[in-house]
PDB file of all heavy atoms in Angstrom:
ATOM      1  N   GLY A   1     141.824 -53.454 226.034  1.00  0.00           N
ATOM      2  CA  GLY A   1     142.622 -53.401 227.255  1.00  0.00           C
ATOM      3  C   GLY A   1     143.676 -52.304 227.243  1.00  0.00           C
ATOM      4  O   GLY A   1     144.650 -52.358 227.993  1.00  0.00           O
ATOM      5  N   GLN A   2     143.473 -51.279 226.399  1.00  0.00           N
ATOM      6  CA  GLN A   2     144.453 -50.210 226.249  1.00  0.00           C
ATOM      7  C   GLN A   2     144.026 -48.897 226.907  1.00  0.00           C
ATOM      8  O   GLN A   2     144.653 -47.872 226.681  1.00  0.00           O
ATOM      9  CB  GLN A   2     144.703 -49.946 224.759  1.00  0.00           C
ATOM     10  CG  GLN A   2     145.214 -51.143 224.013  1.00  0.00           C
ATOM     11  CD  GLN A   2     145.190 -50.935 222.508  1.00  0.00           C
ATOM     12  OE1 GLN A   2     144.524 -50.061 221.979  1.00  0.00           O
ATOM     13  NE2 GLN A   2     145.935 -51.778 221.805  1.00  0.00           N
ATOM     14  N   LEU A   3     142.969 -48.937 227.702  1.00  0.00           N
ATOM     15  CA  LEU A   3     142.454 -47.700 228.300  1.00  0.00           C
ATOM     16  C   LEU A   3     142.186 -47.944 229.771  1.00  0.00           C
ATOM     17  O   LEU A   3     141.312 -48.737 230.121  1.00  0.00           O
ATOM     18  CB  LEU A   3     141.168 -47.278 227.572  1.00  0.00           C
ATOM     19  CG  LEU A   3     140.566 -45.944 227.935  1.00  0.00           C
ATOM     20  CD1 LEU A   3     141.539 -44.790 227.653  1.00  0.00           C
ATOM     21  CD2 LEU A   3     139.268 -45.722 227.163  1.00  0.00           C
ATOM     22  N   GLU A   4     142.944 -47.271 230.641  1.00  0.00           N
ATOM     23  CA  GLU A   4     142.737 -47.450 232.075  1.00  0.00           C
ATOM     24  C   GLU A   4     141.882 -46.354 232.688  1.00  0.00           C
ATOM     25  O   GLU A   4     141.219 -46.566 233.694  1.00  0.00           O
ATOM     26  CB  GLU A   4     144.082 -47.590 232.804  1.00  0.00           C
ATOM     27  CG  GLU A   4     144.756 -46.324 233.208  1.00  0.00           C
ATOM     28  CD  GLU A   4     146.100 -46.544 233.872  1.00  0.00           C
ATOM     29  OE1 GLU A   4     147.011 -47.071 233.217  1.00  0.00           O
ATOM     30  OE2 GLU A   4     146.236 -46.158 235.042  1.00  0.00           O
ATOM     31  N   SER A   5     141.878 -45.152 232.077  1.00  0.00           N
ATOM     32  CA  SER A   5     141.024 -44.060 232.541  1.00  0.00           C
ATOM     33  C   SER A   5     140.972 -42.972 231.477  1.00  0.00           C
ATOM     34  O   SER A   5     141.815 -42.912 230.590  1.00  0.00           O
ATOM     35  CB  SER A   5     141.539 -43.462 233.860  1.00  0.00           C
ATOM     36  OG  SER A   5     142.789 -42.809 233.658  1.00  0.00           O
ATOM     37  N   VAL A   6     139.957 -42.122 231.579  1.00  0.00           N
ATOM     38  CA  VAL A   6     139.797 -40.966 230.691  1.00  0.00           C
ATOM     39  C   VAL A   6     139.559 -39.749 231.563  1.00  0.00           C
ATOM     40  O   VAL A   6     138.797 -39.806 232.534  1.00  0.00           O
ATOM     41  CB  VAL A   6     138.608 -41.141 229.716  1.00  0.00           C
ATOM     42  CG1 VAL A   6     138.407 -39.891 228.883  1.00  0.00           C
ATOM     43  CG2 VAL A   6     138.811 -42.335 228.820  1.00  0.00           C
ATOM     44  N   GLU A   7     140.217 -38.657 231.195  1.00  0.00           N
ATOM     45  CA  GLU A   7     140.020 -37.385 231.879  1.00  0.00           C
ATOM     46  C   GLU A   7     139.606 -36.348 230.846  1.00  0.00           C
ATOM     47  O   GLU A   7     140.191 -36.280 229.758  1.00  0.00           O
ATOM     48  CB  GLU A   7     141.310 -36.956 232.569  1.00  0.00           C
ATOM     49  CG  GLU A   7     141.181 -35.678 233.354  1.00  0.00           C
ATOM     50  CD  GLU A   7     142.433 -35.338 234.151  1.00  0.00           C
ATOM     51  OE1 GLU A   7     143.296 -36.228 234.333  1.00  0.00           O
ATOM     52  OE2 GLU A   7     142.542 -34.191 234.586  1.00  0.00           O
ATOM     53  N   PHE A   8     138.598 -35.559 231.185  1.00  0.00           N
ATOM     54  CA  PHE A   8     138.084 -34.525 230.297  1.00  0.00           C
ATOM     55  C   PHE A   8     138.458 -33.145 230.814  1.00  0.00           C
ATOM     56  O   PHE A   8     138.365 -32.873 232.009  1.00  0.00           O
ATOM     57  CB  PHE A   8     136.559 -34.623 230.181  1.00  0.00           C
ATOM     58  CG  PHE A   8     136.104 -35.819 229.404  1.00  0.00           C
ATOM     59  CD1 PHE A   8     135.837 -37.020 230.035  1.00  0.00           C
ATOM     60  CD2 PHE A   8     135.953 -35.743 228.022  1.00  0.00           C
ATOM     61  CE1 PHE A   8     135.433 -38.134 229.319  1.00  0.00           C
ATOM     62  CE2 PHE A   8     135.549 -36.850 227.299  1.00  0.00           C
ATOM     63  CZ  PHE A   8     135.287 -38.046 227.944  1.00  0.00           C
ATOM     64  N   VAL A   9     138.859 -32.287 229.873  1.00  0.00           N
ATOM     65  CA  VAL A   9     139.132 -30.881 230.139  1.00  0.00           C
ATOM     66  C   VAL A   9     138.634 -30.083 228.939  1.00  0.00           C
ATOM     67  O   VAL A   9     138.413 -30.648 227.864  1.00  0.00           O
ATOM     68  CB  VAL A   9     140.644 -30.616 230.359  1.00  0.00           C
ATOM     69  CG1 VAL A   9     141.157 -31.322 231.608  1.00  0.00           C
ATOM     70  CG2 VAL A   9     141.473 -31.019 229.144  1.00  0.00           C
ATOM     71  N   GLY A  10     138.472 -28.779 229.095  1.00  0.00           N
ATOM     72  CA  GLY A  10     138.155 -27.941 227.953  1.00  0.00           C
ATOM     73  C   GLY A  10     136.920 -27.093 228.123  1.00  0.00           C
ATOM     74  O   GLY A  10     136.539 -26.712 229.227  1.00  0.00           O
ATOM     75  N   LEU A  11     136.265 -26.845 226.979  1.00  0.00           N
ATOM     76  CA  LEU A  11     135.166 -25.890 226.901  1.00  0.00           C
ATOM     77  C   LEU A  11     133.988 -26.505 226.151  1.00  0.00           C
ATOM     78  O   LEU A  11     134.185 -27.332 225.274  1.00  0.00           O
ATOM     79  CB  LEU A  11     135.637 -24.642 226.141  1.00  0.00           C
ATOM     80  CG  LEU A  11     136.824 -23.916 226.783  1.00  0.00           C
ATOM     81  CD1 LEU A  11     137.381 -22.873 225.826  1.00  0.00           C
ATOM     82  CD2 LEU A  11     136.432 -23.305 228.107  1.00  0.00           C
ATOM     83  N   CYS A  12     132.862 -26.113 226.438  1.00  0.00           N
ATOM     84  CA  CYS A  12     132.322 -25.468 227.621  1.00  0.00           C
ATOM     85  C   CYS A  12     131.864 -26.566 228.584  1.00  0.00           C
ATOM     86  O   CYS A  12     131.236 -27.533 228.158  1.00  0.00           O
ATOM     87  CB  CYS A  12     131.144 -24.590 227.269  1.00  0.00           C
ATOM     88  SG  CYS A  12     131.591 -23.138 226.274  1.00  0.00           S
ATOM     89  N   THR A  13     132.144 -26.386 229.854  1.00  0.00           N
ATOM     90  CA  THR A  13     131.839 -27.407 230.848  1.00  0.00           C
ATOM     91  C   THR A  13     130.387 -27.850 230.765  1.00  0.00           C
ATOM     92  O   THR A  13     130.087 -29.046 230.825  1.00  0.00           O
ATOM     93  CB  THR A  13     132.098 -26.880 232.281  1.00  0.00           C
ATOM     94  OG1 THR A  13     133.274 -26.093 232.300  1.00  0.00           O
ATOM     95  CG2 THR A  13     132.182 -28.010 233.279  1.00  0.00           C
ATOM     96  N   ASP A  14     129.485 -26.891 230.634  1.00  0.00           N
ATOM     97  CA  ASP A  14     128.052 -27.145 230.714  1.00  0.00           C
ATOM     98  C   ASP A  14     127.423 -27.592 229.392  1.00  0.00           C
ATOM     99  O   ASP A  14     126.223 -27.865 229.348  1.00  0.00           O
ATOM    100  CB  ASP A  14     127.324 -25.909 231.236  1.00  0.00           C
ATOM    101  CG  ASP A  14     127.700 -24.643 230.486  1.00  0.00           C
ATOM    102  OD1 ASP A  14     128.904 -24.364 230.350  1.00  0.00           O
ATOM    103  OD2 ASP A  14     126.784 -23.932 230.034  1.00  0.00           O
ATOM    104  N   ILE A  15     128.222 -27.693 228.344  1.00  0.00           N
ATOM    105  CA  ILE A  15     127.663 -28.133 227.063  1.00  0.00           C
ATOM    106  C   ILE A  15     128.459 -29.332 226.547  1.00  0.00           C
ATOM    107  O   ILE A  15     128.011 -30.467 226.631  1.00  0.00           O
ATOM    108  CB  ILE A  15     127.617 -26.980 226.034  1.00  0.00           C
ATOM    109  CG1 ILE A  15     126.788 -25.801 226.581  1.00  0.00           C
ATOM    110  CG2 ILE A  15     127.045 -27.463 224.705  1.00  0.00           C
ATOM    111  CD1 ILE A  15     126.819 -24.546 225.727  1.00  0.00           C
ATOM    112  N   CYS A  16     129.633 -29.088 226.029  1.00  0.00           N
ATOM    113  CA  CYS A  16     130.376 -30.151 225.338  1.00  0.00           C
ATOM    114  C   CYS A  16     131.199 -31.031 226.276  1.00  0.00           C
ATOM    115  O   CYS A  16     131.305 -32.235 226.034  1.00  0.00           O
ATOM    116  CB  CYS A  16     131.247 -29.547 224.240  1.00  0.00           C
ATOM    117  SG  CYS A  16     130.228 -28.825 222.920  1.00  0.00           S
ATOM    118  N   VAL A  17     131.756 -30.474 227.339  1.00  0.00           N
ATOM    119  CA  VAL A  17     132.518 -31.321 228.264  1.00  0.00           C
ATOM    120  C   VAL A  17     131.582 -32.337 228.921  1.00  0.00           C
ATOM    121  O   VAL A  17     131.842 -33.542 228.896  1.00  0.00           O
ATOM    122  CB  VAL A  17     133.270 -30.478 229.326  1.00  0.00           C
ATOM    123  CG1 VAL A  17     133.928 -31.389 230.361  1.00  0.00           C
ATOM    124  CG2 VAL A  17     134.315 -29.584 228.658  1.00  0.00           C
ATOM    125  N   ILE A  18     130.484 -31.868 229.474  1.00  0.00           N
ATOM    126  CA  ILE A  18     129.553 -32.777 230.151  1.00  0.00           C
ATOM    127  C   ILE A  18     128.948 -33.776 229.161  1.00  0.00           C
ATOM    128  O   ILE A  18     128.805 -34.961 229.486  1.00  0.00           O
ATOM    129  CB  ILE A  18     128.458 -32.010 230.924  1.00  0.00           C
ATOM    130  CG1 ILE A  18     127.691 -32.957 231.848  1.00  0.00           C
ATOM    131  CG2 ILE A  18     127.534 -31.235 230.013  1.00  0.00           C
ATOM    132  CD1 ILE A  18     126.730 -32.263 232.803  1.00  0.00           C
ATOM    133  N   SER A  19     128.619 -33.339 227.952  1.00  0.00           N
ATOM    134  CA  SER A  19     128.030 -34.254 226.959  1.00  0.00           C
ATOM    135  C   SER A  19     128.972 -35.414 226.659  1.00  0.00           C
ATOM    136  O   SER A  19     128.554 -36.570 226.622  1.00  0.00           O
ATOM    137  CB  SER A  19     127.707 -33.500 225.664  1.00  0.00           C
ATOM    138  OG  SER A  19     126.689 -32.554 225.873  1.00  0.00           O
ATOM    139  N   ASN A  20     130.246 -35.121 226.446  1.00  0.00           N
ATOM    140  CA  ASN A  20     131.213 -36.180 226.122  1.00  0.00           C
ATOM    141  C   ASN A  20     131.540 -37.044 227.327  1.00  0.00           C
ATOM    142  O   ASN A  20     131.691 -38.256 227.195  1.00  0.00           O
ATOM    143  CB  ASN A  20     132.462 -35.561 225.495  1.00  0.00           C
ATOM    144  CG  ASN A  20     132.181 -35.132 224.083  1.00  0.00           C
ATOM    145  OD1 ASN A  20     132.074 -35.956 223.196  1.00  0.00           O
ATOM    146  ND2 ASN A  20     132.011 -33.833 223.876  1.00  0.00           N
ATOM    147  N   ALA A  21     131.612 -36.463 228.503  1.00  0.00           N
ATOM    148  CA  ALA A  21     131.863 -37.256 229.706  1.00  0.00           C
ATOM    149  C   ALA A  21     130.711 -38.237 229.950  1.00  0.00           C
ATOM    150  O   ALA A  21     130.948 -39.411 230.255  1.00  0.00           O
ATOM    151  CB  ALA A  21     132.070 -36.344 230.914  1.00  0.00           C
ATOM    152  N   LEU A  22     129.478 -37.778 229.799  1.00  0.00           N
ATOM    153  CA  LEU A  22     128.332 -38.652 230.070  1.00  0.00           C
ATOM    154  C   LEU A  22     128.128 -39.687 228.966  1.00  0.00           C
ATOM    155  O   LEU A  22     127.731 -40.821 229.261  1.00  0.00           O
ATOM    156  CB  LEU A  22     127.073 -37.829 230.315  1.00  0.00           C
ATOM    157  CG  LEU A  22     127.121 -36.961 231.580  1.00  0.00           C
ATOM    158  CD1 LEU A  22     125.817 -36.192 231.763  1.00  0.00           C
ATOM    159  CD2 LEU A  22     127.457 -37.771 232.817  1.00  0.00           C
ATOM    160  N   LEU A  23     128.407 -39.331 227.715  1.00  0.00           N
ATOM    161  CA  LEU A  23     128.369 -40.345 226.652  1.00  0.00           C
ATOM    162  C   LEU A  23     129.375 -41.457 226.941  1.00  0.00           C
ATOM    163  O   LEU A  23     129.083 -42.638 226.768  1.00  0.00           O
ATOM    164  CB  LEU A  23     128.697 -39.717 225.300  1.00  0.00           C
ATOM    165  CG  LEU A  23     127.578 -39.035 224.538  1.00  0.00           C
ATOM    166  CD1 LEU A  23     128.145 -38.295 223.309  1.00  0.00           C
ATOM    167  CD2 LEU A  23     126.538 -40.047 224.094  1.00  0.00           C
ATOM    168  N   THR A  24     130.557 -41.061 227.373  1.00  0.00           N
ATOM    169  CA  THR A  24     131.609 -42.036 227.681  1.00  0.00           C
ATOM    170  C   THR A  24     131.198 -42.901 228.868  1.00  0.00           C
ATOM    171  O   THR A  24     131.366 -44.126 228.844  1.00  0.00           O
ATOM    172  CB  THR A  24     132.948 -41.319 227.943  1.00  0.00           C
ATOM    173  OG1 THR A  24     133.268 -40.519 226.789  1.00  0.00           O
ATOM    174  CG2 THR A  24     134.070 -42.297 228.216  1.00  0.00           C
ATOM    175  N   LYS A  25     130.646 -42.284 229.899  1.00  0.00           N
ATOM    176  CA  LYS A  25     130.198 -43.018 231.091  1.00  0.00           C
ATOM    177  C   LYS A  25     129.090 -44.014 230.724  1.00  0.00           C
ATOM    178  O   LYS A  25     129.071 -45.154 231.208  1.00  0.00           O
ATOM    179  CB  LYS A  25     129.714 -42.044 232.175  1.00  0.00           C
ATOM    180  CG  LYS A  25     129.421 -42.688 233.504  1.00  0.00           C
ATOM    181  CD  LYS A  25     130.694 -43.187 234.145  1.00  0.00           C
ATOM    182  CE  LYS A  25     130.461 -43.716 235.526  1.00  0.00           C
ATOM    183  NZ  LYS A  25     131.661 -44.370 236.070  1.00  0.00           N
ATOM    184  N   ALA A  26     128.184 -43.607 229.843  1.00  0.00           N
ATOM    185  CA  ALA A  26     127.094 -44.497 229.435  1.00  0.00           C
ATOM    186  C   ALA A  26     127.615 -45.709 228.675  1.00  0.00           C
ATOM    187  O   ALA A  26     127.113 -46.822 228.836  1.00  0.00           O
ATOM    188  CB  ALA A  26     126.084 -43.732 228.569  1.00  0.00           C
ATOM    189  N   GLU A  27     128.648 -45.525 227.864  1.00  0.00           N
ATOM    190  CA  GLU A  27     129.193 -46.617 227.057  1.00  0.00           C
ATOM    191  C   GLU A  27     130.123 -47.526 227.858  1.00  0.00           C
ATOM    192  O   GLU A  27     130.202 -48.719 227.602  1.00  0.00           O
ATOM    193  CB  GLU A  27     129.942 -46.041 225.846  1.00  0.00           C
ATOM    194  CG  GLU A  27     130.412 -47.064 224.856  1.00  0.00           C
ATOM    195  CD  GLU A  27     129.280 -47.833 224.172  1.00  0.00           C
ATOM    196  OE1 GLU A  27     128.172 -47.301 224.007  1.00  0.00           O
ATOM    197  OE2 GLU A  27     129.520 -48.998 223.804  1.00  0.00           O
ATOM    198  N   MET A  28     130.822 -46.944 228.858  1.00  0.00           N
ATOM    199  CA  MET A  28     131.808 -47.704 229.642  1.00  0.00           C
ATOM    200  C   MET A  28     131.637 -47.385 231.126  1.00  0.00           C
ATOM    201  O   MET A  28     132.445 -46.661 231.715  1.00  0.00           O
ATOM    202  CB  MET A  28     133.231 -47.354 229.165  1.00  0.00           C
ATOM    203  CG  MET A  28     133.504 -47.806 227.743  1.00  0.00           C
ATOM    204  SD  MET A  28     134.919 -46.975 226.992  1.00  0.00           S
ATOM    205  CE  MET A  28     134.159 -45.465 226.401  1.00  0.00           C
ATOM    206  N   PRO A  29     130.581 -47.914 231.750  1.00  0.00           N
ATOM    207  CA  PRO A  29     130.268 -47.531 233.131  1.00  0.00           C
ATOM    208  C   PRO A  29     131.335 -47.914 234.154  1.00  0.00           C
ATOM    209  O   PRO A  29     131.407 -47.301 235.221  1.00  0.00           O
ATOM    210  CB  PRO A  29     128.940 -48.241 233.415  1.00  0.00           C
ATOM    211  CG  PRO A  29     128.837 -49.319 232.390  1.00  0.00           C
ATOM    212  CD  PRO A  29     129.606 -48.848 231.203  1.00  0.00           C
ATOM    213  N   GLU A  30     132.184 -48.885 233.862  1.00  0.00           N
ATOM    214  CA  GLU A  30     133.219 -49.297 234.814  1.00  0.00           C
ATOM    215  C   GLU A  30     134.557 -48.586 234.589  1.00  0.00           C
ATOM    216  O   GLU A  30     135.480 -48.737 235.386  1.00  0.00           O
ATOM    217  CB  GLU A  30     133.422 -50.809 234.763  1.00  0.00           C
ATOM    218  CG  GLU A  30     132.194 -51.590 235.225  1.00  0.00           C
ATOM    219  CD  GLU A  30     131.781 -51.251 236.652  1.00  0.00           C
ATOM    220  OE1 GLU A  30     132.658 -51.123 237.534  1.00  0.00           O
ATOM    221  OE2 GLU A  30     130.563 -51.095 236.893  1.00  0.00           O
ATOM    222  N   LEU A  31     134.678 -47.830 233.531  1.00  0.00           N
ATOM    223  CA  LEU A  31     135.907 -47.084 233.256  1.00  0.00           C
ATOM    224  C   LEU A  31     135.973 -45.872 234.171  1.00  0.00           C
ATOM    225  O   LEU A  31     135.016 -45.093 234.243  1.00  0.00           O
ATOM    226  CB  LEU A  31     135.926 -46.625 231.794  1.00  0.00           C
ATOM    227  CG  LEU A  31     137.106 -45.753 231.384  1.00  0.00           C
ATOM    228  CD1 LEU A  31     138.410 -46.559 231.401  1.00  0.00           C
ATOM    229  CD2 LEU A  31     136.859 -45.155 229.996  1.00  0.00           C
ATOM    230  N   PRO A  32     137.079 -45.662 234.895  1.00  0.00           N
ATOM    231  CA  PRO A  32     137.210 -44.435 235.689  1.00  0.00           C
ATOM    232  C   PRO A  32     137.249 -43.211 234.755  1.00  0.00           C
ATOM    233  O   PRO A  32     138.074 -43.139 233.837  1.00  0.00           O
ATOM    234  CB  PRO A  32     138.546 -44.613 236.414  1.00  0.00           C
ATOM    235  CG  PRO A  32     138.786 -46.092 236.421  1.00  0.00           C
ATOM    236  CD  PRO A  32     138.194 -46.588 235.134  1.00  0.00           C
ATOM    237  N   ILE A  33     136.320 -42.304 234.994  1.00  0.00           N
ATOM    238  CA  ILE A  33     136.220 -41.082 234.194  1.00  0.00           C
ATOM    239  C   ILE A  33     136.362 -39.894 235.131  1.00  0.00           C
ATOM    240  O   ILE A  33     135.707 -39.822 236.176  1.00  0.00           O
ATOM    241  CB  ILE A  33     134.884 -41.032 233.428  1.00  0.00           C
ATOM    242  CG1 ILE A  33     134.805 -42.237 232.474  1.00  0.00           C
ATOM    243  CG2 ILE A  33     134.732 -39.709 232.684  1.00  0.00           C
ATOM    244  CD1 ILE A  33     133.504 -42.380 231.754  1.00  0.00           C
TER     245      ILE A  33
END
């Protein structure tokens, strides 16, 4: 209960940013990302 949302920034959008955002979304589909 210690995480209300996650925001991603950085490099490279098309490789590592998207990979981490989608891994997070897959694990926590109801978390605002």
